[in-house]
Amino acid sequence: MPEKKSIQDLHGADLTLWAARAQGIGDRKRIKLYASGPCLYRDTGPGGEPFPFRPDSHLGDTAVLIHEMAEVGILTLF
């Protein structure tokens, strides 16, 4: 079993995978996502294809997380 990590310890593709799971993207699209090296992939069975989800660089991919963090008081927007 892999060692559990805290969110603040995640970076790169692992953090992107966490954000995608937090938003329920895999469940909504009925796909399995995984992180490998610096990239996020969609499982296609015998391999994978890059999955274009970039909460670190595209506002559209991170807006849901920003909104939710502001709602619960984790993030304050001025």
PDB file of N, CA and C in Angstrom:
ATOM      1  N   MET A   1       0.841  -1.169   0.000  1.00  0.00           N
ATOM      2  CA  MET A   1       0.000   0.000   0.000  1.00  0.00           C
ATOM      3  C   MET A   1       0.893   1.241   0.000  1.00  0.00           C
ATOM      4  N   PRO A   2       0.617   2.194  -0.896  1.00  0.00           N
ATOM      5  CA  PRO A   2       1.453   3.395  -0.940  1.00  0.00           C
ATOM      6  C   PRO A   2       1.300   4.235   0.327  1.00  0.00           C
ATOM      7  N   GLU A   3       2.366   4.920   0.654  1.00  0.00           N
ATOM      8  CA  GLU A   3       2.359   5.782   1.834  1.00  0.00           C
ATOM      9  C   GLU A   3       1.409   6.961   1.610  1.00  0.00           C
ATOM     10  N   LYS A   4       0.595   7.279   2.627  1.00  0.00           N
ATOM     11  CA  LYS A   4      -0.322   8.413   2.529  1.00  0.00           C
ATOM     12  C   LYS A   4       0.456   9.711   2.633  1.00  0.00           C
ATOM     13  N   LYS A   5       0.029  10.698   1.848  1.00  0.00           N
ATOM     14  CA  LYS A   5       0.676  12.002   1.858  1.00  0.00           C
ATOM     15  C   LYS A   5      -0.355  13.064   2.181  1.00  0.00           C
ATOM     16  N   SER A   6       0.117  14.164   2.695  1.00  0.00           N
ATOM     17  CA  SER A   6      -0.728  15.318   2.938  1.00  0.00           C
ATOM     18  C   SER A   6      -0.811  16.131   1.648  1.00  0.00           C
ATOM     19  N   ILE A   7      -1.905  16.845   1.454  1.00  0.00           N
ATOM     20  CA  ILE A   7      -2.077  17.637   0.235  1.00  0.00           C
ATOM     21  C   ILE A   7      -0.924  18.608   0.046  1.00  0.00           C
ATOM     22  N   GLN A   8      -0.445  19.225   1.121  1.00  0.00           N
ATOM     23  CA  GLN A   8       0.648  20.193   0.971  1.00  0.00           C
ATOM     24  C   GLN A   8       1.948  19.550   0.510  1.00  0.00           C
ATOM     25  N   ASP A   9       2.042  18.219   0.581  1.00  0.00           N
ATOM     26  CA  ASP A   9       3.235  17.519   0.107  1.00  0.00           C
ATOM     27  C   ASP A   9       3.149  17.151  -1.378  1.00  0.00           C
ATOM     28  N   LEU A  10       1.978  17.319  -1.976  1.00  0.00           N
ATOM     29  CA  LEU A  10       1.802  16.970  -3.385  1.00  0.00           C
ATOM     30  C   LEU A  10       2.305  18.091  -4.285  1.00  0.00           C
ATOM     31  N   HIS A  11       2.774  17.712  -5.462  1.00  0.00           N
ATOM     32  CA  HIS A  11       3.178  18.694  -6.465  1.00  0.00           C
ATOM     33  C   HIS A  11       3.105  18.039  -7.843  1.00  0.00           C
ATOM     34  N   GLY A  12       3.143  18.841  -8.873  1.00  0.00           N
ATOM     35  CA  GLY A  12       3.137  18.336 -10.243  1.00  0.00           C
ATOM     36  C   GLY A  12       1.904  17.516 -10.564  1.00  0.00           C
ATOM     37  N   ALA A  13       2.125  16.391 -11.238  1.00  0.00           N
ATOM     38  CA  ALA A  13       1.024  15.545 -11.690  1.00  0.00           C
ATOM     39  C   ALA A  13       0.239  14.949 -10.521  1.00  0.00           C
ATOM     40  N   ASP A  14       0.893  14.688  -9.400  1.00  0.00           N
ATOM     41  CA  ASP A  14       0.174  14.145  -8.245  1.00  0.00           C
ATOM     42  C   ASP A  14      -0.846  15.153  -7.710  1.00  0.00           C
ATOM     43  N   LEU A  15      -0.476  16.425  -7.667  1.00  0.00           N
ATOM     44  CA  LEU A  15      -1.400  17.460  -7.223  1.00  0.00           C
ATOM     45  C   LEU A  15      -2.526  17.652  -8.243  1.00  0.00           C
ATOM     46  N   THR A  16      -2.196  17.581  -9.523  1.00  0.00           N
ATOM     47  CA  THR A  16      -3.201  17.694 -10.567  1.00  0.00           C
ATOM     48  C   THR A  16      -4.199  16.544 -10.476  1.00  0.00           C
ATOM     49  N   LEU A  17      -3.716  15.338 -10.226  1.00  0.00           N
ATOM     50  CA  LEU A  17      -4.592  14.184 -10.057  1.00  0.00           C
ATOM     51  C   LEU A  17      -5.500  14.386  -8.849  1.00  0.00           C
ATOM     52  N   TRP A  18      -4.961  14.880  -7.736  1.00  0.00           N
ATOM     53  CA  TRP A  18      -5.781  15.142  -6.561  1.00  0.00           C
ATOM     54  C   TRP A  18      -6.892  16.147  -6.895  1.00  0.00           C
ATOM     55  N   ALA A  19      -6.540  17.231  -7.604  1.00  0.00           N
ATOM     56  CA  ALA A  19      -7.530  18.254  -7.975  1.00  0.00           C
ATOM     57  C   ALA A  19      -8.612  17.662  -8.874  1.00  0.00           C
ATOM     58  N   ALA A  20      -8.225  16.827  -9.831  1.00  0.00           N
ATOM     59  CA  ALA A  20      -9.204  16.191 -10.724  1.00  0.00           C
ATOM     60  C   ALA A  20     -10.140  15.281  -9.934  1.00  0.00           C
ATOM     61  N   ARG A  21      -9.591  14.540  -8.990  1.00  0.00           N
ATOM     62  CA  ARG A  21     -10.432  13.665  -8.159  1.00  0.00           C
ATOM     63  C   ARG A  21     -11.331  14.492  -7.243  1.00  0.00           C
ATOM     64  N   ALA A  22     -10.805  15.581  -6.698  1.00  0.00           N
ATOM     65  CA  ALA A  22     -11.605  16.443  -5.824  1.00  0.00           C
ATOM     66  C   ALA A  22     -12.800  17.035  -6.571  1.00  0.00           C
ATOM     67  N   GLN A  23     -12.625  17.302  -7.851  1.00  0.00           N
ATOM     68  CA  GLN A  23     -13.713  17.839  -8.668  1.00  0.00           C
ATOM     69  C   GLN A  23     -14.603  16.739  -9.241  1.00  0.00           C
ATOM     70  N   GLY A  24     -14.243  15.489  -9.030  1.00  0.00           N
ATOM     71  CA  GLY A  24     -15.059  14.378  -9.512  1.00  0.00           C
ATOM     72  C   GLY A  24     -15.028  14.186 -11.016  1.00  0.00           C
ATOM     73  N   ILE A  25     -13.952  14.614 -11.657  1.00  0.00           N
ATOM     74  CA  ILE A  25     -13.865  14.531 -13.116  1.00  0.00           C
ATOM     75  C   ILE A  25     -13.918  13.079 -13.600  1.00  0.00           C
ATOM     76  N   GLY A  26     -13.203  12.191 -12.952  1.00  0.00           N
ATOM     77  CA  GLY A  26     -13.204  10.788 -13.364  1.00  0.00           C
ATOM     78  C   GLY A  26     -14.586  10.167 -13.279  1.00  0.00           C
ATOM     79  N   ASP A  27     -15.292  10.439 -12.185  1.00  0.00           N
ATOM     80  CA  ASP A  27     -16.640   9.889 -12.014  1.00  0.00           C
ATOM     81  C   ASP A  27     -17.610  10.474 -13.029  1.00  0.00           C
ATOM     82  N   ARG A  28     -17.557  11.796 -13.224  1.00  0.00           N
ATOM     83  CA  ARG A  28     -18.478  12.441 -14.168  1.00  0.00           C
ATOM     84  C   ARG A  28     -18.263  11.970 -15.597  1.00  0.00           C
ATOM     85  N   LYS A  29     -17.007  11.816 -15.981  1.00  0.00           N
ATOM     86  CA  LYS A  29     -16.696  11.418 -17.359  1.00  0.00           C
ATOM     87  C   LYS A  29     -16.566   9.904 -17.509  1.00  0.00           C
ATOM     88  N   ARG A  30     -16.661   9.175 -16.380  1.00  0.00           N
ATOM     89  CA  ARG A  30     -16.532   7.712 -16.363  1.00  0.00           C
ATOM     90  C   ARG A  30     -15.211   7.251 -16.970  1.00  0.00           C
ATOM     91  N   ILE A  31     -14.155   7.887 -16.476  1.00  0.00           N
ATOM     92  CA  ILE A  31     -12.809   7.539 -16.915  1.00  0.00           C
ATOM     93  C   ILE A  31     -11.929   7.338 -15.687  1.00  0.00           C
ATOM     94  N   LYS A  32     -10.814   6.663 -15.868  1.00  0.00           N
ATOM     95  CA  LYS A  32      -9.845   6.492 -14.785  1.00  0.00           C
ATOM     96  C   LYS A  32      -8.626   7.335 -15.126  1.00  0.00           C
ATOM     97  N   LEU A  33      -8.242   8.187 -14.196  1.00  0.00           N
ATOM     98  CA  LEU A  33      -7.075   9.053 -14.379  1.00  0.00           C
ATOM     99  C   LEU A  33      -5.935   8.561 -13.506  1.00  0.00           C
ATOM    100  N   TYR A  34      -4.711   8.778 -13.973  1.00  0.00           N
ATOM    101  CA  TYR A  34      -3.544   8.448 -13.164  1.00  0.00           C
ATOM    102  C   TYR A  34      -2.406   9.399 -13.500  1.00  0.00           C
ATOM    103  N   ALA A  35      -1.516   9.568 -12.542  1.00  0.00           N
ATOM    104  CA  ALA A  35      -0.346  10.427 -12.718  1.00  0.00           C
ATOM    105  C   ALA A  35       0.860   9.543 -12.994  1.00  0.00           C
ATOM    106  N   SER A  36       1.660   9.959 -13.959  1.00  0.00           N
ATOM    107  CA  SER A  36       2.893   9.255 -14.263  1.00  0.00           C
ATOM    108  C   SER A  36       3.933  10.284 -14.652  1.00  0.00           C
ATOM    109  N   GLY A  37       5.012  10.335 -13.886  1.00  0.00           N
ATOM    110  CA  GLY A  37       6.018  11.362 -14.145  1.00  0.00           C
ATOM    111  C   GLY A  37       5.386  12.736 -13.968  1.00  0.00           C
ATOM    112  N   PRO A  38       5.610  13.637 -14.890  1.00  0.00           N
ATOM    113  CA  PRO A  38       5.058  14.984 -14.756  1.00  0.00           C
ATOM    114  C   PRO A  38       3.673  15.153 -15.385  1.00  0.00           C
ATOM    115  N   CYS A  39       3.061  14.057 -15.878  1.00  0.00           N
ATOM    116  CA  CYS A  39       1.822  14.193 -16.648  1.00  0.00           C
ATOM    117  C   CYS A  39       0.635  13.469 -16.020  1.00  0.00           C
ATOM    118  N   LEU A  40      -0.551  13.945 -16.359  1.00  0.00           N
ATOM    119  CA  LEU A  40      -1.803  13.305 -15.993  1.00  0.00           C
ATOM    120  C   LEU A  40      -2.308  12.559 -17.225  1.00  0.00           C
ATOM    121  N   TYR A  41      -2.735  11.317 -17.029  1.00  0.00           N
ATOM    122  CA  TYR A  41      -3.185  10.483 -18.136  1.00  0.00           C
ATOM    123  C   TYR A  41      -4.567   9.925 -17.886  1.00  0.00           C
ATOM    124  N   ARG A  42      -5.241   9.621 -18.991  1.00  0.00           N
ATOM    125  CA  ARG A  42      -6.512   8.902 -18.963  1.00  0.00           C
ATOM    126  C   ARG A  42      -6.187   7.462 -19.320  1.00  0.00           C
ATOM    127  N   ASP A  43      -6.629   6.531 -18.473  1.00  0.00           N
ATOM    128  CA  ASP A  43      -6.373   5.112 -18.711  1.00  0.00           C
ATOM    129  C   ASP A  43      -7.207   4.650 -19.901  1.00  0.00           C
ATOM    130  N   THR A  44      -6.559   4.042 -20.884  1.00  0.00           N
ATOM    131  CA  THR A  44      -7.257   3.538 -22.067  1.00  0.00           C
ATOM    132  C   THR A  44      -7.174   2.022 -22.164  1.00  0.00           C
ATOM    133  N   GLY A  45      -6.846   1.370 -21.077  1.00  0.00           N
ATOM    134  CA  GLY A  45      -6.727  -0.092 -21.082  1.00  0.00           C
ATOM    135  C   GLY A  45      -5.281  -0.508 -21.178  1.00  0.00           C
ATOM    136  N   PRO A  46      -4.782  -0.775 -22.395  1.00  0.00           N
ATOM    137  CA  PRO A  46      -3.396  -1.211 -22.511  1.00  0.00           C
ATOM    138  C   PRO A  46      -2.381  -0.080 -22.399  1.00  0.00           C
ATOM    139  N   GLY A  47      -2.845   1.123 -22.202  1.00  0.00           N
ATOM    140  CA  GLY A  47      -1.930   2.268 -22.089  1.00  0.00           C
ATOM    141  C   GLY A  47      -2.689   3.473 -21.590  1.00  0.00           C
ATOM    142  N   GLY A  48      -2.246   4.618 -21.978  1.00  0.00           N
ATOM    143  CA  GLY A  48      -2.911   5.834 -21.559  1.00  0.00           C
ATOM    144  C   GLY A  48      -2.709   6.932 -22.575  1.00  0.00           C
ATOM    145  N   GLU A  49      -3.531   7.962 -22.451  1.00  0.00           N
ATOM    146  CA  GLU A  49      -3.364   9.137 -23.298  1.00  0.00           C
ATOM    147  C   GLU A  49      -3.361  10.356 -22.404  1.00  0.00           C
ATOM    148  N   PRO A  50      -2.585  11.382 -22.735  1.00  0.00           N
ATOM    149  CA  PRO A  50      -2.541  12.586 -21.904  1.00  0.00           C
ATOM    150  C   PRO A  50      -3.944  13.156 -21.695  1.00  0.00           C
ATOM    151  N   PHE A  51      -4.215  13.597 -20.480  1.00  0.00           N
ATOM    152  CA  PHE A  51      -5.514  14.183 -20.160  1.00  0.00           C
ATOM    153  C   PHE A  51      -5.320  15.678 -19.929  1.00  0.00           C
ATOM    154  N   PRO A  52      -5.975  16.523 -20.729  1.00  0.00           N
ATOM    155  CA  PRO A  52      -5.753  17.976 -20.670  1.00  0.00           C
ATOM    156  C   PRO A  52      -6.493  18.655 -19.516  1.00  0.00           C
ATOM    157  N   PHE A  53      -5.984  18.499 -18.303  1.00  0.00           N
ATOM    158  CA  PHE A  53      -6.536  19.157 -17.128  1.00  0.00           C
ATOM    159  C   PHE A  53      -5.379  19.844 -16.433  1.00  0.00           C
ATOM    160  N   ARG A  54      -5.404  21.180 -16.352  1.00  0.00           N
ATOM    161  CA  ARG A  54      -4.264  21.917 -15.815  1.00  0.00           C
ATOM    162  C   ARG A  54      -4.706  22.982 -14.806  1.00  0.00           C
ATOM    163  N   PRO A  55      -5.070  22.594 -13.590  1.00  0.00           N
ATOM    164  CA  PRO A  55      -5.482  23.607 -12.612  1.00  0.00           C
ATOM    165  C   PRO A  55      -4.351  24.551 -12.207  1.00  0.00           C
ATOM    166  N   ASP A  56      -3.106  24.190 -12.547  1.00  0.00           N
ATOM    167  CA  ASP A  56      -1.979  25.053 -12.218  1.00  0.00           C
ATOM    168  C   ASP A  56      -1.779  26.163 -13.240  1.00  0.00           C
ATOM    169  N   SER A  57      -2.431  26.074 -14.408  1.00  0.00           N
ATOM    170  CA  SER A  57      -2.190  27.097 -15.425  1.00  0.00           C
ATOM    171  C   SER A  57      -3.437  27.576 -16.168  1.00  0.00           C
ATOM    172  N   HIS A  58      -4.571  26.918 -15.995  1.00  0.00           N
ATOM    173  CA  HIS A  58      -5.799  27.337 -16.673  1.00  0.00           C
ATOM    174  C   HIS A  58      -6.867  27.674 -15.649  1.00  0.00           C
ATOM    175  N   LEU A  59      -7.320  28.923 -15.648  1.00  0.00           N
ATOM    176  CA  LEU A  59      -8.319  29.363 -14.680  1.00  0.00           C
ATOM    177  C   LEU A  59      -9.587  28.525 -14.759  1.00  0.00           C
ATOM    178  N   GLY A  60      -9.986  28.118 -15.958  1.00  0.00           N
ATOM    179  CA  GLY A  60     -11.188  27.305 -16.105  1.00  0.00           C
ATOM    180  C   GLY A  60     -11.097  25.990 -15.364  1.00  0.00           C
ATOM    181  N   ASP A  61      -9.906  25.400 -15.277  1.00  0.00           N
ATOM    182  CA  ASP A  61      -9.719  24.131 -14.587  1.00  0.00           C
ATOM    183  C   ASP A  61      -9.608  24.294 -13.071  1.00  0.00           C
ATOM    184  N   THR A  62      -9.340  25.496 -12.602  1.00  0.00           N
ATOM    185  CA  THR A  62      -9.189  25.696 -11.162  1.00  0.00           C
ATOM    186  C   THR A  62     -10.315  26.508 -10.532  1.00  0.00           C
ATOM    187  N   ALA A  63     -11.192  27.098 -11.337  1.00  0.00           N
ATOM    188  CA  ALA A  63     -12.249  27.970 -10.814  1.00  0.00           C
ATOM    189  C   ALA A  63     -13.138  27.267  -9.796  1.00  0.00           C
ATOM    190  N   VAL A  64     -13.469  26.005 -10.036  1.00  0.00           N
ATOM    191  CA  VAL A  64     -14.316  25.261  -9.099  1.00  0.00           C
ATOM    192  C   VAL A  64     -13.627  25.141  -7.745  1.00  0.00           C
ATOM    193  N   LEU A  65     -12.328  24.817  -7.745  1.00  0.00           N
ATOM    194  CA  LEU A  65     -11.605  24.684  -6.477  1.00  0.00           C
ATOM    195  C   LEU A  65     -11.494  26.020  -5.752  1.00  0.00           C
ATOM    196  N   ILE A  66     -11.237  27.099  -6.480  1.00  0.00           N
ATOM    197  CA  ILE A  66     -11.159  28.426  -5.860  1.00  0.00           C
ATOM    198  C   ILE A  66     -12.488  28.784  -5.217  1.00  0.00           C
ATOM    199  N   HIS A  67     -13.574  28.540  -5.922  1.00  0.00           N
ATOM    200  CA  HIS A  67     -14.910  28.836  -5.393  1.00  0.00           C
ATOM    201  C   HIS A  67     -15.186  28.031  -4.118  1.00  0.00           C
ATOM    202  N   GLU A  68     -14.913  26.721  -4.161  1.00  0.00           N
ATOM    203  CA  GLU A  68     -15.165  25.876  -2.992  1.00  0.00           C
ATOM    204  C   GLU A  68     -14.297  26.281  -1.800  1.00  0.00           C
ATOM    205  N   MET A  69     -13.036  26.625  -2.045  1.00  0.00           N
ATOM    206  CA  MET A  69     -12.153  27.044  -0.954  1.00  0.00           C
ATOM    207  C   MET A  69     -12.620  28.358  -0.352  1.00  0.00           C
ATOM    208  N   ALA A  70     -13.115  29.264  -1.166  1.00  0.00           N
ATOM    209  CA  ALA A  70     -13.638  30.537  -0.659  1.00  0.00           C
ATOM    210  C   ALA A  70     -14.909  30.306   0.155  1.00  0.00           C
ATOM    211  N   GLU A  71     -15.765  29.395  -0.292  1.00  0.00           N
ATOM    212  CA  GLU A  71     -17.020  29.106   0.408  1.00  0.00           C
ATOM    213  C   GLU A  71     -16.796  28.570   1.820  1.00  0.00           C
ATOM    214  N   VAL A  72     -15.773  27.737   2.014  1.00  0.00           N
ATOM    215  CA  VAL A  72     -15.533  27.154   3.335  1.00  0.00           C
ATOM    216  C   VAL A  72     -14.540  27.963   4.167  1.00  0.00           C
ATOM    217  N   GLY A  73     -14.058  29.080   3.632  1.00  0.00           N
ATOM    218  CA  GLY A  73     -13.195  29.967   4.396  1.00  0.00           C
ATOM    219  C   GLY A  73     -11.717  29.643   4.344  1.00  0.00           C
ATOM    220  N   ILE A  74     -11.302  28.727   3.486  1.00  0.00           N
ATOM    221  CA  ILE A  74      -9.890  28.392   3.360  1.00  0.00           C
ATOM    222  C   ILE A  74      -9.154  29.486   2.598  1.00  0.00           C
ATOM    223  N   LEU A  75      -9.858  30.146   1.696  1.00  0.00           N
ATOM    224  CA  LEU A  75      -9.282  31.151   0.834  1.00  0.00           C
ATOM    225  C   LEU A  75     -10.151  32.408   0.906  1.00  0.00           C
ATOM    226  N   THR A  76      -9.530  33.544   1.074  1.00  0.00           N
ATOM    227  CA  THR A  76     -10.265  34.808   1.114  1.00  0.00           C
ATOM    228  C   THR A  76      -9.902  35.621  -0.118  1.00  0.00           C
ATOM    229  N   LEU A  77     -10.911  36.016  -0.870  1.00  0.00           N
ATOM    230  CA  LEU A  77     -10.686  36.787  -2.073  1.00  0.00           C
ATOM    231  C   LEU A  77     -11.039  38.257  -1.820  1.00  0.00           C
ATOM    232  N   PHE A  78     -10.188  39.167  -2.250  1.00  0.00           N
ATOM    233  CA  PHE A  78     -10.421  40.606  -2.090  1.00  0.00           C
ATOM    234  C   PHE A  78     -10.559  41.247  -3.443  1.00  0.00           C
TER     235      PHE A  78
END
